[in-house]
Protein backbone atom coordinates (compact mmCIF):
# COMPACT_ATOMS: atom_id res chain seq x y z
CA MET A 1 -16.76 -2.12 -19.15
CA ILE A 2 -20.15 -1.71 -20.75
CA TYR A 3 -21.71 1.71 -21.18
CA VAL A 4 -24.82 2.99 -22.86
CA ASP A 5 -25.10 6.24 -24.80
CA ASP A 6 -28.14 5.68 -27.08
CA GLU A 7 -26.26 2.51 -28.12
CA VAL A 8 -24.37 -0.18 -26.16
CA TYR A 9 -20.58 0.11 -26.20
CA PHE A 10 -17.94 -2.28 -24.90
CA GLY A 11 -14.50 -1.30 -23.67
CA LYS A 12 -14.63 2.32 -22.52
CA GLU A 13 -11.24 3.64 -21.39
CA VAL A 14 -11.92 4.23 -17.68
CA PHE A 15 -8.67 3.11 -15.99
CA ASN A 16 -6.22 5.97 -15.52
CA THR A 17 -2.95 4.11 -14.92
CA GLY A 18 -0.96 7.29 -14.33
CA GLN A 19 0.34 10.19 -16.36
CA ARG A 20 -3.04 10.39 -18.14
CA ILE A 21 -2.68 6.96 -19.77
CA PHE A 22 -6.15 5.43 -20.02
CA LYS A 23 -6.89 1.74 -20.61
CA LYS A 24 -10.00 -0.28 -21.33
CA ARG A 25 -8.96 -3.20 -19.14
CA LEU A 26 -6.10 -4.26 -16.90
CA VAL A 27 -4.46 -7.68 -17.01
CA TYR A 28 -2.15 -8.63 -14.17
CA ARG A 29 0.43 -11.27 -15.08
CA HIS A 30 2.38 -12.79 -12.21
CA SER A 31 4.18 -15.92 -11.10
CA SER A 32 2.10 -19.09 -11.04
CA GLU A 33 3.83 -19.84 -7.71
CA THR A 34 1.93 -17.03 -5.94
CA ASP A 35 -1.55 -15.59 -5.61
CA MET A 36 -2.51 -12.00 -6.27
CA THR A 37 -5.46 -10.37 -4.57
CA LEU A 38 -7.86 -7.83 -5.97
CA ASN A 39 -10.60 -6.58 -3.66
CA PHE A 40 -13.42 -4.07 -3.86
CA GLU A 41 -12.90 -2.10 -0.65
CA SER A 42 -16.03 -0.10 -1.43
CA ASP A 43 -18.03 0.97 -4.46
CA GLU A 44 -15.33 3.59 -5.09
CA VAL A 45 -12.04 1.80 -4.29
CA ILE A 46 -10.41 -1.30 -5.83
CA VAL A 47 -7.33 -2.56 -3.93
CA VAL A 48 -4.71 -4.76 -5.66
CA ASP A 49 -1.44 -6.34 -4.58
CA HIS A 50 1.66 -4.42 -5.68
CA LEU A 51 3.74 -6.76 -7.86
CA ILE A 52 7.54 -6.74 -8.14
CA PRO A 53 10.06 -9.05 -9.84
CA SER A 54 11.12 -11.95 -7.61
CA SER A 55 14.74 -11.11 -8.51
CA PRO A 56 16.31 -8.07 -10.22
CA ALA A 57 17.27 -10.39 -13.10
CA TYR A 58 13.54 -10.86 -13.86
CA ASP A 59 12.73 -7.17 -14.24
CA GLY A 60 10.21 -6.84 -17.08
CA LYS A 61 9.40 -10.57 -17.17
CA ARG A 62 5.91 -10.48 -15.66
CA GLU A 63 5.69 -14.28 -15.26
CA TYR A 64 8.19 -13.92 -12.38
CA TYR A 65 6.43 -11.06 -10.55
CA ILE A 66 5.22 -11.60 -6.98
CA PRO A 67 3.29 -9.51 -4.41
CA ASP A 68 5.55 -7.51 -2.05
CA LEU A 69 2.96 -7.20 0.78
CA SER A 70 2.08 -3.62 -0.14
CA TYR A 71 -0.95 -2.46 -2.08
CA ASP A 72 -1.97 -0.20 -4.93
CA ALA A 73 -5.50 0.98 -5.61
CA PHE A 74 -7.86 2.50 -8.11
CA LYS A 75 -10.24 5.16 -6.80
CA LEU A 76 -13.37 6.16 -8.68
CA LYS A 77 -13.62 9.88 -9.43
CA LYS A 78 -15.87 11.44 -12.07
CA GLY A 79 -16.40 8.12 -13.84
CA LEU A 80 -12.68 7.22 -14.03
CA TRP A 81 -10.69 4.74 -11.94
CA ASN A 82 -7.52 6.65 -10.96
CA TYR A 83 -4.36 4.76 -9.94
CA ILE A 84 -2.99 5.26 -6.40
CA GLU A 85 0.46 3.81 -5.71
CA ASP A 86 1.33 2.54 -2.20
CA TYR A 87 -2.26 2.59 -0.95
CA ASN A 88 -2.78 2.21 2.81
CA ALA A 89 -5.29 -0.65 3.00
CA ARG A 90 -5.21 -1.00 6.78
CA LEU A 91 -8.42 -0.53 8.73
CA ASP A 92 -8.65 2.87 10.39
CA LYS A 93 -8.87 2.43 14.18
CA LYS A 94 -11.52 5.17 14.31
CA THR A 95 -13.80 3.15 12.05
CA LYS A 96 -16.42 1.27 14.01
CA ASP A 97 -16.25 -2.23 12.60
CA LYS A 98 -18.06 -5.10 14.29
CA TYR A 99 -14.97 -7.32 14.02
CA PHE A 100 -12.30 -4.80 14.99
CA GLU A 101 -12.85 -4.93 18.77
CA MET A 102 -14.82 -8.16 18.90
CA GLU A 103 -14.81 -9.93 22.26
CA LEU A 104 -14.05 -13.63 21.97
CA PRO A 105 -15.67 -16.02 24.44
CA ASN A 106 -13.46 -17.56 27.13
CA GLN A 107 -12.29 -20.99 26.13
CA GLU A 108 -11.09 -23.84 28.28
CA LYS A 109 -7.60 -25.18 27.73
CA VAL A 110 -7.70 -28.60 26.14
CA TYR A 111 -4.19 -29.77 26.89
């Protein structure tokens, strides 16, 4: 994070990770056997995979954490990115998206 206030500053605490704990940056450690996604849903929402230990025995050992197919998010409000647990990242059916109800052309069977 870079911000300017008469001078240039690096590392402003803008991530509210919950219970008013603010961080300059977030580092996600996880198993090298899996991938973790982080997406900008919009200019105001960052969606990340929710990570859990692959086994209860690995609780606290981040190198064994894997995505559990649910999501968390950070939503921008008044210059701070606020943590949202269990974020619903599914597309709203009311949203008009050009791919949501896209008609596919008829295709001939090839077998």
